[in-house]
């Protein structure tokens, strides 16, 4: 069975800053892949998500935060956790250029799901 990786939200931010955003693209790919595996959604394609983010010069990334906020809520429900649908918050933060804050919030929420799967 595929195990999702628990990452430090602070380290996600630091690596994104130090690598001038390159780690952020890797993180989006990995988060897409891990949520695809957690939810069983075959319609989610990490490669396509990255391609759309790049081709649209990051505009699709704003929608990505909303879309994956919904998937995190779905994964929380499947893991038996309290569902916190923060997709609108993620969307608003992305619109105002705070995607890096989204990364930390989403990683923290995902970590709770991944830790639940380990128990």
PDB file of N, CA and C in Angstrom:
ATOM      1  N   UNK A   1       0.840  -1.187   0.000  1.00  0.00           N
ATOM      2  CA  UNK A   1       0.000   0.000   0.000  1.00  0.00           C
ATOM      3  C   UNK A   1       0.884   1.249   0.000  1.00  0.00           C
ATOM      4  N   UNK A   2       0.446   2.263  -0.695  1.00  0.00           N
ATOM      5  CA  UNK A   2       1.183   3.524  -0.799  1.00  0.00           C
ATOM      6  C   UNK A   2       1.081   4.288   0.508  1.00  0.00           C
ATOM      7  N   UNK A   3       2.218   4.742   1.027  1.00  0.00           N
ATOM      8  CA  UNK A   3       2.243   5.551   2.246  1.00  0.00           C
ATOM      9  C   UNK A   3       2.503   7.001   1.882  1.00  0.00           C
ATOM     10  N   UNK A   4       1.668   7.878   2.362  1.00  0.00           N
ATOM     11  CA  UNK A   4       1.836   9.301   2.111  1.00  0.00           C
ATOM     12  C   UNK A   4       2.845   9.866   3.108  1.00  0.00           C
ATOM     13  N   UNK A   5       3.586  10.874   2.686  1.00  0.00           N
ATOM     14  CA  UNK A   5       4.676  11.414   3.482  1.00  0.00           C
ATOM     15  C   UNK A   5       4.212  12.564   4.365  1.00  0.00           C
ATOM     16  N   UNK A   6       4.514  12.447   5.645  1.00  0.00           N
ATOM     17  CA  UNK A   6       4.254  13.540   6.582  1.00  0.00           C
ATOM     18  C   UNK A   6       5.412  14.524   6.434  1.00  0.00           C
ATOM     19  N   UNK A   7       5.079  15.786   6.146  1.00  0.00           N
ATOM     20  CA  UNK A   7       6.092  16.827   5.954  1.00  0.00           C
ATOM     21  C   UNK A   7       5.861  17.944   6.961  1.00  0.00           C
ATOM     22  N   UNK A   8       6.923  18.594   7.353  1.00  0.00           N
ATOM     23  CA  UNK A   8       6.826  19.745   8.238  1.00  0.00           C
ATOM     24  C   UNK A   8       6.314  20.941   7.444  1.00  0.00           C
ATOM     25  N   UNK A   9       5.189  21.549   7.858  1.00  0.00           N
ATOM     26  CA  UNK A   9       4.689  22.726   7.145  1.00  0.00           C
ATOM     27  C   UNK A   9       5.720  23.862   7.084  1.00  0.00           C
ATOM     28  N   UNK A  10       6.472  24.039   8.158  1.00  0.00           N
ATOM     29  CA  UNK A  10       7.508  25.078   8.168  1.00  0.00           C
ATOM     30  C   UNK A  10       8.604  24.791   7.158  1.00  0.00           C
ATOM     31  N   UNK A  11       8.994  23.522   7.058  1.00  0.00           N
ATOM     32  CA  UNK A  11      10.028  23.147   6.100  1.00  0.00           C
ATOM     33  C   UNK A  11       9.541  23.317   4.664  1.00  0.00           C
ATOM     34  N   UNK A  12       8.257  23.065   4.429  1.00  0.00           N
ATOM     35  CA  UNK A  12       7.674  23.277   3.105  1.00  0.00           C
ATOM     36  C   UNK A  12       7.826  24.746   2.702  1.00  0.00           C
ATOM     37  N   UNK A  13       7.558  25.662   3.651  1.00  0.00           N
ATOM     38  CA  UNK A  13       7.696  27.093   3.373  1.00  0.00           C
ATOM     39  C   UNK A  13       9.153  27.460   3.124  1.00  0.00           C
ATOM     40  N   UNK A  14      10.041  27.002   4.006  1.00  0.00           N
ATOM     41  CA  UNK A  14      11.464  27.338   3.876  1.00  0.00           C
ATOM     42  C   UNK A  14      12.027  26.827   2.558  1.00  0.00           C
ATOM     43  N   UNK A  15      11.736  25.577   2.212  1.00  0.00           N
ATOM     44  CA  UNK A  15      12.255  25.018   0.957  1.00  0.00           C
ATOM     45  C   UNK A  15      11.703  25.755  -0.254  1.00  0.00           C
ATOM     46  N   UNK A  16      10.452  26.174  -0.187  1.00  0.00           N
ATOM     47  CA  UNK A  16       9.867  26.926  -1.302  1.00  0.00           C
ATOM     48  C   UNK A  16      10.557  28.274  -1.482  1.00  0.00           C
ATOM     49  N   UNK A  17      10.888  28.926  -0.382  1.00  0.00           N
ATOM     50  CA  UNK A  17      11.569  30.220  -0.457  1.00  0.00           C
ATOM     51  C   UNK A  17      13.008  30.047  -0.927  1.00  0.00           C
ATOM     52  N   UNK A  18      13.718  29.090  -0.328  1.00  0.00           N
ATOM     53  CA  UNK A  18      15.140  28.882  -0.655  1.00  0.00           C
ATOM     54  C   UNK A  18      15.329  28.470  -2.111  1.00  0.00           C
ATOM     55  N   UNK A  19      14.395  27.701  -2.648  1.00  0.00           N
ATOM     56  CA  UNK A  19      14.517  27.238  -4.039  1.00  0.00           C
ATOM     57  C   UNK A  19      13.806  28.153  -5.029  1.00  0.00           C
ATOM     58  N   UNK A  20      13.423  29.328  -4.583  1.00  0.00           N
ATOM     59  CA  UNK A  20      12.737  30.316  -5.437  1.00  0.00           C
ATOM     60  C   UNK A  20      11.476  29.746  -6.092  1.00  0.00           C
ATOM     61  N   UNK A  21      10.752  28.946  -5.352  1.00  0.00           N
ATOM     62  CA  UNK A  21       9.475  28.424  -5.820  1.00  0.00           C
ATOM     63  C   UNK A  21       9.517  27.077  -6.506  1.00  0.00           C
ATOM     64  N   UNK A  22      10.702  26.563  -6.791  1.00  0.00           N
ATOM     65  CA  UNK A  22      10.791  25.265  -7.475  1.00  0.00           C
ATOM     66  C   UNK A  22      10.217  24.163  -6.600  1.00  0.00           C
ATOM     67  N   UNK A  23      10.516  24.198  -5.303  1.00  0.00           N
ATOM     68  CA  UNK A  23       9.962  23.183  -4.399  1.00  0.00           C
ATOM     69  C   UNK A  23       8.440  23.270  -4.365  1.00  0.00           C
ATOM     70  N   UNK A  24       7.884  24.454  -4.513  1.00  0.00           N
ATOM     71  CA  UNK A  24       6.422  24.608  -4.502  1.00  0.00           C
ATOM     72  C   UNK A  24       5.781  23.793  -5.626  1.00  0.00           C
ATOM     73  N   UNK A  25       6.406  23.796  -6.807  1.00  0.00           N
ATOM     74  CA  UNK A  25       5.872  22.992  -7.922  1.00  0.00           C
ATOM     75  C   UNK A  25       5.959  21.509  -7.594  1.00  0.00           C
ATOM     76  N   UNK A  26       7.080  21.085  -6.999  1.00  0.00           N
ATOM     77  CA  UNK A  26       7.243  19.681  -6.580  1.00  0.00           C
ATOM     78  C   UNK A  26       6.188  19.337  -5.534  1.00  0.00           C
ATOM     79  N   UNK A  27       5.967  20.256  -4.588  1.00  0.00           N
ATOM     80  CA  UNK A  27       4.993  20.018  -3.527  1.00  0.00           C
ATOM     81  C   UNK A  27       3.590  19.860  -4.108  1.00  0.00           C
ATOM     82  N   UNK A  28       3.231  20.703  -5.063  1.00  0.00           N
ATOM     83  CA  UNK A  28       1.912  20.586  -5.700  1.00  0.00           C
ATOM     84  C   UNK A  28       1.766  19.217  -6.363  1.00  0.00           C
ATOM     85  N   UNK A  29       2.821  18.776  -7.044  1.00  0.00           N
ATOM     86  CA  UNK A  29       2.789  17.453  -7.684  1.00  0.00           C
ATOM     87  C   UNK A  29       2.584  16.358  -6.639  1.00  0.00           C
ATOM     88  N   UNK A  30       3.385  16.392  -5.566  1.00  0.00           N
ATOM     89  CA  UNK A  30       3.303  15.349  -4.546  1.00  0.00           C
ATOM     90  C   UNK A  30       1.962  15.387  -3.810  1.00  0.00           C
ATOM     91  N   UNK A  31       1.474  16.578  -3.505  1.00  0.00           N
ATOM     92  CA  UNK A  31       0.185  16.692  -2.822  1.00  0.00           C
ATOM     93  C   UNK A  31      -0.927  16.134  -3.717  1.00  0.00           C
ATOM     94  N   UNK A  32      -0.871  16.428  -5.007  1.00  0.00           N
ATOM     95  CA  UNK A  32      -1.858  15.887  -5.950  1.00  0.00           C
ATOM     96  C   UNK A  32      -1.799  14.363  -5.968  1.00  0.00           C
ATOM     97  N   UNK A  33      -0.591  13.841  -6.035  1.00  0.00           N
ATOM     98  CA  UNK A  33      -0.395  12.386  -6.077  1.00  0.00           C
ATOM     99  C   UNK A  33      -0.894  11.726  -4.790  1.00  0.00           C
ATOM    100  N   UNK A  34      -0.553  12.305  -3.653  1.00  0.00           N
ATOM    101  CA  UNK A  34      -0.943  11.716  -2.373  1.00  0.00           C
ATOM    102  C   UNK A  34      -2.449  11.781  -2.146  1.00  0.00           C
ATOM    103  N   UNK A  35      -3.074  12.882  -2.540  1.00  0.00           N
ATOM    104  CA  UNK A  35      -4.533  12.970  -2.393  1.00  0.00           C
ATOM    105  C   UNK A  35      -5.244  12.065  -3.389  1.00  0.00           C
ATOM    106  N   UNK A  36      -4.647  11.868  -4.554  1.00  0.00           N
ATOM    107  CA  UNK A  36      -5.199  10.916  -5.518  1.00  0.00           C
ATOM    108  C   UNK A  36      -5.212   9.525  -4.893  1.00  0.00           C
ATOM    109  N   UNK A  37      -4.125   9.147  -4.265  1.00  0.00           N
ATOM    110  CA  UNK A  37      -4.045   7.832  -3.630  1.00  0.00           C
ATOM    111  C   UNK A  37      -4.954   7.732  -2.412  1.00  0.00           C
ATOM    112  N   UNK A  38      -5.067   8.808  -1.639  1.00  0.00           N
ATOM    113  CA  UNK A  38      -5.883   8.777  -0.427  1.00  0.00           C
ATOM    114  C   UNK A  38      -7.372   8.707  -0.731  1.00  0.00           C
ATOM    115  N   UNK A  39      -7.801   9.401  -1.778  1.00  0.00           N
ATOM    116  CA  UNK A  39      -9.235   9.449  -2.086  1.00  0.00           C
ATOM    117  C   UNK A  39      -9.655   8.394  -3.105  1.00  0.00           C
ATOM    118  N   UNK A  40      -8.687   7.828  -3.814  1.00  0.00           N
ATOM    119  CA  UNK A  40      -9.010   6.850  -4.853  1.00  0.00           C
ATOM    120  C   UNK A  40      -9.566   7.484  -6.114  1.00  0.00           C
ATOM    121  N   UNK A  41      -9.382   8.777  -6.273  1.00  0.00           N
ATOM    122  CA  UNK A  41      -9.881   9.493  -7.456  1.00  0.00           C
ATOM    123  C   UNK A  41      -8.903   9.304  -8.614  1.00  0.00           C
ATOM    124  N   UNK A  42      -9.332   8.592  -9.627  1.00  0.00           N
ATOM    125  CA  UNK A  42      -8.464   8.399 -10.794  1.00  0.00           C
ATOM    126  C   UNK A  42      -8.534   9.596 -11.739  1.00  0.00           C
ATOM    127  N   UNK A  43      -9.498  10.485 -11.505  1.00  0.00           N
ATOM    128  CA  UNK A  43      -9.623  11.666 -12.362  1.00  0.00           C
ATOM    129  C   UNK A  43      -8.569  12.717 -12.023  1.00  0.00           C
ATOM    130  N   UNK A  44      -7.886  12.536 -10.909  1.00  0.00           N
ATOM    131  CA  UNK A  44      -6.850  13.462 -10.479  1.00  0.00           C
ATOM    132  C   UNK A  44      -5.529  13.020 -11.099  1.00  0.00           C
ATOM    133  N   UNK A  45      -4.903  13.907 -11.864  1.00  0.00           N
ATOM    134  CA  UNK A  45      -3.632  13.589 -12.501  1.00  0.00           C
ATOM    135  C   UNK A  45      -2.586  14.621 -12.091  1.00  0.00           C
ATOM    136  N   UNK A  46      -1.618  14.227 -11.260  1.00  0.00           N
ATOM    137  CA  UNK A  46      -0.607  15.177 -10.798  1.00  0.00           C
ATOM    138  C   UNK A  46       0.149  15.865 -11.939  1.00  0.00           C
ATOM    139  N   UNK A  47       0.500  15.132 -12.969  1.00  0.00           N
ATOM    140  CA  UNK A  47       1.213  15.719 -14.101  1.00  0.00           C
ATOM    141  C   UNK A  47       0.385  16.768 -14.821  1.00  0.00           C
ATOM    142  N   UNK A  48      -0.889  16.482 -15.010  1.00  0.00           N
ATOM    143  CA  UNK A  48      -1.789  17.440 -15.665  1.00  0.00           C
ATOM    144  C   UNK A  48      -1.967  18.685 -14.809  1.00  0.00           C
ATOM    145  N   UNK A  49      -2.061  18.494 -13.497  1.00  0.00           N
ATOM    146  CA  UNK A  49      -2.224  19.635 -12.593  1.00  0.00           C
ATOM    147  C   UNK A  49      -1.026  20.585 -12.713  1.00  0.00           C
ATOM    148  N   UNK A  50       0.187  20.041 -12.702  1.00  0.00           N
ATOM    149  CA  UNK A  50       1.398  20.864 -12.832  1.00  0.00           C
ATOM    150  C   UNK A  50       1.436  21.545 -14.189  1.00  0.00           C
ATOM    151  N   UNK A  51       1.120  20.799 -15.241  1.00  0.00           N
ATOM    152  CA  UNK A  51       1.133  21.357 -16.589  1.00  0.00           C
ATOM    153  C   UNK A  51       0.170  22.540 -16.698  1.00  0.00           C
ATOM    154  N   UNK A  52      -1.027  22.382 -16.173  1.00  0.00           N
ATOM    155  CA  UNK A  52      -2.012  23.470 -16.212  1.00  0.00           C
ATOM    156  C   UNK A  52      -1.540  24.681 -15.407  1.00  0.00           C
ATOM    157  N   UNK A  53      -0.904  24.436 -14.271  1.00  0.00           N
ATOM    158  CA  UNK A  53      -0.369  25.555 -13.468  1.00  0.00           C
ATOM    159  C   UNK A  53       0.697  26.319 -14.246  1.00  0.00           C
ATOM    160  N   UNK A  54       1.564  25.597 -14.933  1.00  0.00           N
ATOM    161  CA  UNK A  54       2.659  26.237 -15.676  1.00  0.00           C
ATOM    162  C   UNK A  54       2.134  26.952 -16.912  1.00  0.00           C
ATOM    163  N   UNK A  55       1.289  26.270 -17.687  1.00  0.00           N
ATOM    164  CA  UNK A  55       0.779  26.832 -18.944  1.00  0.00           C
ATOM    165  C   UNK A  55      -0.042  28.107 -18.699  1.00  0.00           C
ATOM    166  N   UNK A  56      -0.757  28.148 -17.595  1.00  0.00           N
ATOM    167  CA  UNK A  56      -1.582  29.327 -17.300  1.00  0.00           C
ATOM    168  C   UNK A  56      -0.831  30.365 -16.458  1.00  0.00           C
ATOM    169  N   UNK A  57       0.473  30.208 -16.360  1.00  0.00           N
ATOM    170  CA  UNK A  57       1.323  31.140 -15.589  1.00  0.00           C
ATOM    171  C   UNK A  57       0.859  31.279 -14.141  1.00  0.00           C
ATOM    172  N   UNK A  58       0.398  30.196 -13.563  1.00  0.00           N
ATOM    173  CA  UNK A  58       0.005  30.175 -12.160  1.00  0.00           C
ATOM    174  C   UNK A  58      -1.448  30.478 -11.881  1.00  0.00           C
ATOM    175  N   UNK A  59      -2.203  30.869 -12.884  1.00  0.00           N
ATOM    176  CA  UNK A  59      -3.620  31.184 -12.656  1.00  0.00           C
ATOM    177  C   UNK A  59      -4.393  29.927 -12.246  1.00  0.00           C
ATOM    178  N   UNK A  60      -4.076  28.795 -12.887  1.00  0.00           N
ATOM    179  CA  UNK A  60      -4.749  27.545 -12.520  1.00  0.00           C
ATOM    180  C   UNK A  60      -4.423  27.155 -11.074  1.00  0.00           C
ATOM    181  N   UNK A  61      -3.250  27.558 -10.594  1.00  0.00           N
ATOM    182  CA  UNK A  61      -2.859  27.225  -9.219  1.00  0.00           C
ATOM    183  C   UNK A  61      -3.847  27.812  -8.211  1.00  0.00           C
ATOM    184  N   UNK A  62      -4.423  28.947  -8.528  1.00  0.00           N
ATOM    185  CA  UNK A  62      -5.426  29.546  -7.644  1.00  0.00           C
ATOM    186  C   UNK A  62      -6.622  28.606  -7.521  1.00  0.00           C
ATOM    187  N   UNK A  63      -7.085  28.076  -8.646  1.00  0.00           N
ATOM    188  CA  UNK A  63      -8.177  27.105  -8.621  1.00  0.00           C
ATOM    189  C   UNK A  63      -7.729  25.804  -7.963  1.00  0.00           C
ATOM    190  N   UNK A  64      -6.464  25.418  -8.193  1.00  0.00           N
ATOM    191  CA  UNK A  64      -5.925  24.184  -7.631  1.00  0.00           C
ATOM    192  C   UNK A  64      -6.088  24.176  -6.113  1.00  0.00           C
ATOM    193  N   UNK A  65      -5.789  25.301  -5.465  1.00  0.00           N
ATOM    194  CA  UNK A  65      -5.918  25.364  -4.009  1.00  0.00           C
ATOM    195  C   UNK A  65      -7.357  25.103  -3.572  1.00  0.00           C
ATOM    196  N   UNK A  66      -8.315  25.644  -4.289  1.00  0.00           N
ATOM    197  CA  UNK A  66      -9.724  25.410  -3.976  1.00  0.00           C
ATOM    198  C   UNK A  66     -10.078  23.933  -4.198  1.00  0.00           C
ATOM    199  N   UNK A  67      -9.711  23.428  -5.354  1.00  0.00           N
ATOM    200  CA  UNK A  67     -10.031  22.047  -5.725  1.00  0.00           C
ATOM    201  C   UNK A  67      -9.445  21.045  -4.727  1.00  0.00           C
ATOM    202  N   UNK A  68      -8.203  21.267  -4.367  1.00  0.00           N
ATOM    203  CA  UNK A  68      -7.558  20.328  -3.459  1.00  0.00           C
ATOM    204  C   UNK A  68      -7.964  20.553  -2.011  1.00  0.00           C
ATOM    205  N   UNK A  69      -8.474  21.728  -1.683  1.00  0.00           N
ATOM    206  CA  UNK A  69      -9.093  21.931  -0.382  1.00  0.00           C
ATOM    207  C   UNK A  69     -10.309  21.023  -0.224  1.00  0.00           C
ATOM    208  N   UNK A  70     -11.066  20.901  -1.304  1.00  0.00           N
ATOM    209  CA  UNK A  70     -12.222  19.993  -1.310  1.00  0.00           C
ATOM    210  C   UNK A  70     -11.764  18.532  -1.170  1.00  0.00           C
ATOM    211  N   UNK A  71     -10.663  18.179  -1.861  1.00  0.00           N
ATOM    212  CA  UNK A  71     -10.165  16.803  -1.776  1.00  0.00           C
ATOM    213  C   UNK A  71      -9.630  16.489  -0.381  1.00  0.00           C
ATOM    214  N   UNK A  72      -9.020  17.468   0.269  1.00  0.00           N
ATOM    215  CA  UNK A  72      -8.555  17.250   1.637  1.00  0.00           C
ATOM    216  C   UNK A  72      -9.751  16.975   2.545  1.00  0.00           C
ATOM    217  N   UNK A  73     -10.823  17.733   2.374  1.00  0.00           N
ATOM    218  CA  UNK A  73     -12.039  17.505   3.171  1.00  0.00           C
ATOM    219  C   UNK A  73     -12.590  16.104   2.920  1.00  0.00           C
ATOM    220  N   UNK A  74     -12.562  15.672   1.677  1.00  0.00           N
ATOM    221  CA  UNK A  74     -13.032  14.319   1.343  1.00  0.00           C
ATOM    222  C   UNK A  74     -12.137  13.256   1.983  1.00  0.00           C
ATOM    223  N   UNK A  75     -10.837  13.468   1.946  1.00  0.00           N
ATOM    224  CA  UNK A  75      -9.893  12.525   2.554  1.00  0.00           C
ATOM    225  C   UNK A  75     -10.061  12.491   4.072  1.00  0.00           C
ATOM    226  N   UNK A  76     -10.362  13.650   4.680  1.00  0.00           N
ATOM    227  CA  UNK A  76     -10.614  13.693   6.121  1.00  0.00           C
ATOM    228  C   UNK A  76     -11.828  12.834   6.472  1.00  0.00           C
ATOM    229  N   UNK A  77     -12.862  12.948   5.655  1.00  0.00           N
ATOM    230  CA  UNK A  77     -14.070  12.160   5.894  1.00  0.00           C
ATOM    231  C   UNK A  77     -13.778  10.671   5.764  1.00  0.00           C
ATOM    232  N   UNK A  78     -13.030  10.301   4.728  1.00  0.00           N
ATOM    233  CA  UNK A  78     -12.687   8.893   4.517  1.00  0.00           C
ATOM    234  C   UNK A  78     -11.810   8.346   5.638  1.00  0.00           C
ATOM    235  N   UNK A  79     -10.982   9.204   6.245  1.00  0.00           N
ATOM    236  CA  UNK A  79     -10.104   8.776   7.335  1.00  0.00           C
ATOM    237  C   UNK A  79     -10.828   8.773   8.682  1.00  0.00           C
ATOM    238  N   UNK A  80     -12.077   9.232   8.707  1.00  0.00           N
ATOM    239  CA  UNK A  80     -12.838   9.248   9.941  1.00  0.00           C
ATOM    240  C   UNK A  80     -12.518  10.432  10.829  1.00  0.00           C
ATOM    241  N   UNK A  81     -11.944  11.468  10.250  1.00  0.00           N
ATOM    242  CA  UNK A  81     -11.613  12.680  11.001  1.00  0.00           C
ATOM    243  C   UNK A  81     -12.738  13.704  10.868  1.00  0.00           C
ATOM    244  N   UNK A  82     -12.688  14.706  11.731  1.00  0.00           N
ATOM    245  CA  UNK A  82     -13.638  15.812  11.617  1.00  0.00           C
ATOM    246  C   UNK A  82     -13.333  16.566  10.323  1.00  0.00           C
ATOM    247  N   UNK A  83     -14.340  16.783   9.522  1.00  0.00           N
ATOM    248  CA  UNK A  83     -14.155  17.422   8.220  1.00  0.00           C
ATOM    249  C   UNK A  83     -14.075  18.936   8.393  1.00  0.00           C
ATOM    250  N   UNK A  84     -12.986  19.505   7.870  1.00  0.00           N
ATOM    251  CA  UNK A  84     -12.802  20.957   7.857  1.00  0.00           C
ATOM    252  C   UNK A  84     -12.621  21.376   6.407  1.00  0.00           C
ATOM    253  N   UNK A  85     -13.675  21.865   5.795  1.00  0.00           N
ATOM    254  CA  UNK A  85     -13.601  22.290   4.398  1.00  0.00           C
ATOM    255  C   UNK A  85     -13.121  23.742   4.346  1.00  0.00           C
ATOM    256  N   UNK A  86     -11.832  23.908   4.134  1.00  0.00           N
ATOM    257  CA  UNK A  86     -11.232  25.245   4.073  1.00  0.00           C
ATOM    258  C   UNK A  86     -10.963  25.687   2.639  1.00  0.00           C
ATOM    259  N   UNK A  87     -11.653  25.091   1.694  1.00  0.00           N
ATOM    260  CA  UNK A  87     -11.371  25.371   0.286  1.00  0.00           C
ATOM    261  C   UNK A  87     -11.578  26.847  -0.078  1.00  0.00           C
ATOM    262  N   UNK A  88     -12.586  27.491   0.490  1.00  0.00           N
ATOM    263  CA  UNK A  88     -12.822  28.909   0.199  1.00  0.00           C
ATOM    264  C   UNK A  88     -11.703  29.762   0.805  1.00  0.00           C
ATOM    265  N   UNK A  89     -11.252  29.410   1.986  1.00  0.00           N
ATOM    266  CA  UNK A  89     -10.118  30.107   2.601  1.00  0.00           C
ATOM    267  C   UNK A  89      -8.880  29.975   1.721  1.00  0.00           C
ATOM    268  N   UNK A  90      -8.616  28.769   1.237  1.00  0.00           N
ATOM    269  CA  UNK A  90      -7.468  28.549   0.354  1.00  0.00           C
ATOM    270  C   UNK A  90      -7.591  29.380  -0.922  1.00  0.00           C
ATOM    271  N   UNK A  91      -8.781  29.449  -1.466  1.00  0.00           N
ATOM    272  CA  UNK A  91      -9.017  30.235  -2.671  1.00  0.00           C
ATOM    273  C   UNK A  91      -8.731  31.721  -2.415  1.00  0.00           C
ATOM    274  N   UNK A  92      -9.262  32.247  -1.328  1.00  0.00           N
ATOM    275  CA  UNK A  92      -9.060  33.663  -1.019  1.00  0.00           C
ATOM    276  C   UNK A  92      -7.584  33.977  -0.755  1.00  0.00           C
ATOM    277  N   UNK A  93      -6.903  33.115  -0.016  1.00  0.00           N
ATOM    278  CA  UNK A  93      -5.482  33.334   0.233  1.00  0.00           C
ATOM    279  C   UNK A  93      -4.688  33.316  -1.071  1.00  0.00           C
ATOM    280  N   UNK A  94      -5.050  32.404  -1.974  1.00  0.00           N
ATOM    281  CA  UNK A  94      -4.354  32.328  -3.261  1.00  0.00           C
ATOM    282  C   UNK A  94      -4.613  33.577  -4.100  1.00  0.00           C
ATOM    283  N   UNK A  95      -5.831  34.060  -4.090  1.00  0.00           N
ATOM    284  CA  UNK A  95      -6.163  35.269  -4.850  1.00  0.00           C
ATOM    285  C   UNK A  95      -5.329  36.451  -4.364  1.00  0.00           C
ATOM    286  N   UNK A  96      -5.098  36.512  -3.049  1.00  0.00           N
ATOM    287  CA  UNK A  96      -4.329  37.616  -2.484  1.00  0.00           C
ATOM    288  C   UNK A  96      -2.827  37.331  -2.432  1.00  0.00           C
ATOM    289  N   UNK A  97      -2.381  36.309  -3.162  1.00  0.00           N
ATOM    290  CA  UNK A  97      -0.953  36.036  -3.286  1.00  0.00           C
ATOM    291  C   UNK A  97      -0.325  35.344  -2.094  1.00  0.00           C
ATOM    292  N   UNK A  98      -1.118  34.689  -1.296  1.00  0.00           N
ATOM    293  CA  UNK A  98      -0.599  34.007  -0.118  1.00  0.00           C
ATOM    294  C   UNK A  98      -0.628  32.487  -0.280  1.00  0.00           C
ATOM    295  N   UNK A  99      -0.250  32.034  -1.449  1.00  0.00           N
ATOM    296  CA  UNK A  99      -0.210  30.602  -1.725  1.00  0.00           C
ATOM    297  C   UNK A  99       0.719  29.856  -0.789  1.00  0.00           C
ATOM    298  N   UNK A 100       1.780  30.502  -0.354  1.00  0.00           N
ATOM    299  CA  UNK A 100       2.737  29.839   0.538  1.00  0.00           C
ATOM    300  C   UNK A 100       2.097  29.549   1.896  1.00  0.00           C
ATOM    301  N   UNK A 101       1.166  30.396   2.319  1.00  0.00           N
ATOM    302  CA  UNK A 101       0.417  30.145   3.552  1.00  0.00           C
ATOM    303  C   UNK A 101      -0.495  28.938   3.332  1.00  0.00           C
ATOM    304  N   UNK A 102      -1.109  28.868   2.154  1.00  0.00           N
ATOM    305  CA  UNK A 102      -1.941  27.714   1.811  1.00  0.00           C
ATOM    306  C   UNK A 102      -1.160  26.424   1.906  1.00  0.00           C
ATOM    307  N   UNK A 103       0.073  26.458   1.404  1.00  0.00           N
ATOM    308  CA  UNK A 103       0.894  25.249   1.425  1.00  0.00           C
ATOM    309  C   UNK A 103       1.060  24.734   2.850  1.00  0.00           C
ATOM    310  N   UNK A 104       1.342  25.632   3.784  1.00  0.00           N
ATOM    311  CA  UNK A 104       1.517  25.233   5.182  1.00  0.00           C
ATOM    312  C   UNK A 104       0.207  24.705   5.773  1.00  0.00           C
ATOM    313  N   UNK A 105      -0.892  25.404   5.506  1.00  0.00           N
ATOM    314  CA  UNK A 105      -2.184  24.977   6.040  1.00  0.00           C
ATOM    315  C   UNK A 105      -2.606  23.621   5.465  1.00  0.00           C
ATOM    316  N   UNK A 106      -2.442  23.475   4.165  1.00  0.00           N
ATOM    317  CA  UNK A 106      -2.836  22.221   3.513  1.00  0.00           C
ATOM    318  C   UNK A 106      -1.940  21.068   3.953  1.00  0.00           C
ATOM    319  N   UNK A 107      -0.644  21.326   4.116  1.00  0.00           N
ATOM    320  CA  UNK A 107       0.259  20.263   4.552  1.00  0.00           C
ATOM    321  C   UNK A 107      -0.083  19.829   5.973  1.00  0.00           C
ATOM    322  N   UNK A 108      -0.416  20.789   6.813  1.00  0.00           N
ATOM    323  CA  UNK A 108      -0.806  20.464   8.180  1.00  0.00           C
ATOM    324  C   UNK A 108      -2.067  19.590   8.202  1.00  0.00           C
ATOM    325  N   UNK A 109      -3.049  19.956   7.387  1.00  0.00           N
ATOM    326  CA  UNK A 109      -4.289  19.162   7.309  1.00  0.00           C
ATOM    327  C   UNK A 109      -4.007  17.773   6.744  1.00  0.00           C
ATOM    328  N   UNK A 110      -3.156  17.707   5.728  1.00  0.00           N
ATOM    329  CA  UNK A 110      -2.815  16.415   5.127  1.00  0.00           C
ATOM    330  C   UNK A 110      -2.049  15.543   6.119  1.00  0.00           C
ATOM    331  N   UNK A 111      -1.157  16.153   6.897  1.00  0.00           N
ATOM    332  CA  UNK A 111      -0.395  15.386   7.885  1.00  0.00           C
ATOM    333  C   UNK A 111      -1.310  14.676   8.867  1.00  0.00           C
ATOM    334  N   UNK A 112      -2.390  15.343   9.285  1.00  0.00           N
ATOM    335  CA  UNK A 112      -3.341  14.721  10.203  1.00  0.00           C
ATOM    336  C   UNK A 112      -3.981  13.490   9.570  1.00  0.00           C
ATOM    337  N   UNK A 113      -4.257  13.580   8.280  1.00  0.00           N
ATOM    338  CA  UNK A 113      -4.846  12.434   7.568  1.00  0.00           C
ATOM    339  C   UNK A 113      -3.824  11.314   7.466  1.00  0.00           C
ATOM    340  N   UNK A 114      -2.599  11.655   7.060  1.00  0.00           N
ATOM    341  CA  UNK A 114      -1.565  10.626   6.872  1.00  0.00           C
ATOM    342  C   UNK A 114      -1.237   9.961   8.211  1.00  0.00           C
ATOM    343  N   UNK A 115      -1.182  10.744   9.300  1.00  0.00           N
ATOM    344  CA  UNK A 115      -0.907  10.169  10.620  1.00  0.00           C
ATOM    345  C   UNK A 115      -2.039   9.249  11.059  1.00  0.00           C
ATOM    346  N   UNK A 116      -3.264   9.590  10.708  1.00  0.00           N
ATOM    347  CA  UNK A 116      -4.420   8.742  11.031  1.00  0.00           C
ATOM    348  C   UNK A 116      -4.292   7.389  10.323  1.00  0.00           C
ATOM    349  N   UNK A 117      -3.789   7.401   9.087  1.00  0.00           N
ATOM    350  CA  UNK A 117      -3.625   6.170   8.321  1.00  0.00           C
ATOM    351  C   UNK A 117      -2.543   5.275   8.917  1.00  0.00           C
ATOM    352  N   UNK A 118      -1.590   5.872   9.646  1.00  0.00           N
ATOM    353  CA  UNK A 118      -0.479   5.107  10.210  1.00  0.00           C
ATOM    354  C   UNK A 118      -0.890   4.376  11.477  1.00  0.00           C
ATOM    355  N   UNK A 119      -1.962   4.817  12.120  1.00  0.00           N
ATOM    356  CA  UNK A 119      -2.392   4.232  13.392  1.00  0.00           C
ATOM    357  C   UNK A 119      -3.062   2.895  13.164  1.00  0.00           C
TER     358      UNK A 119
END
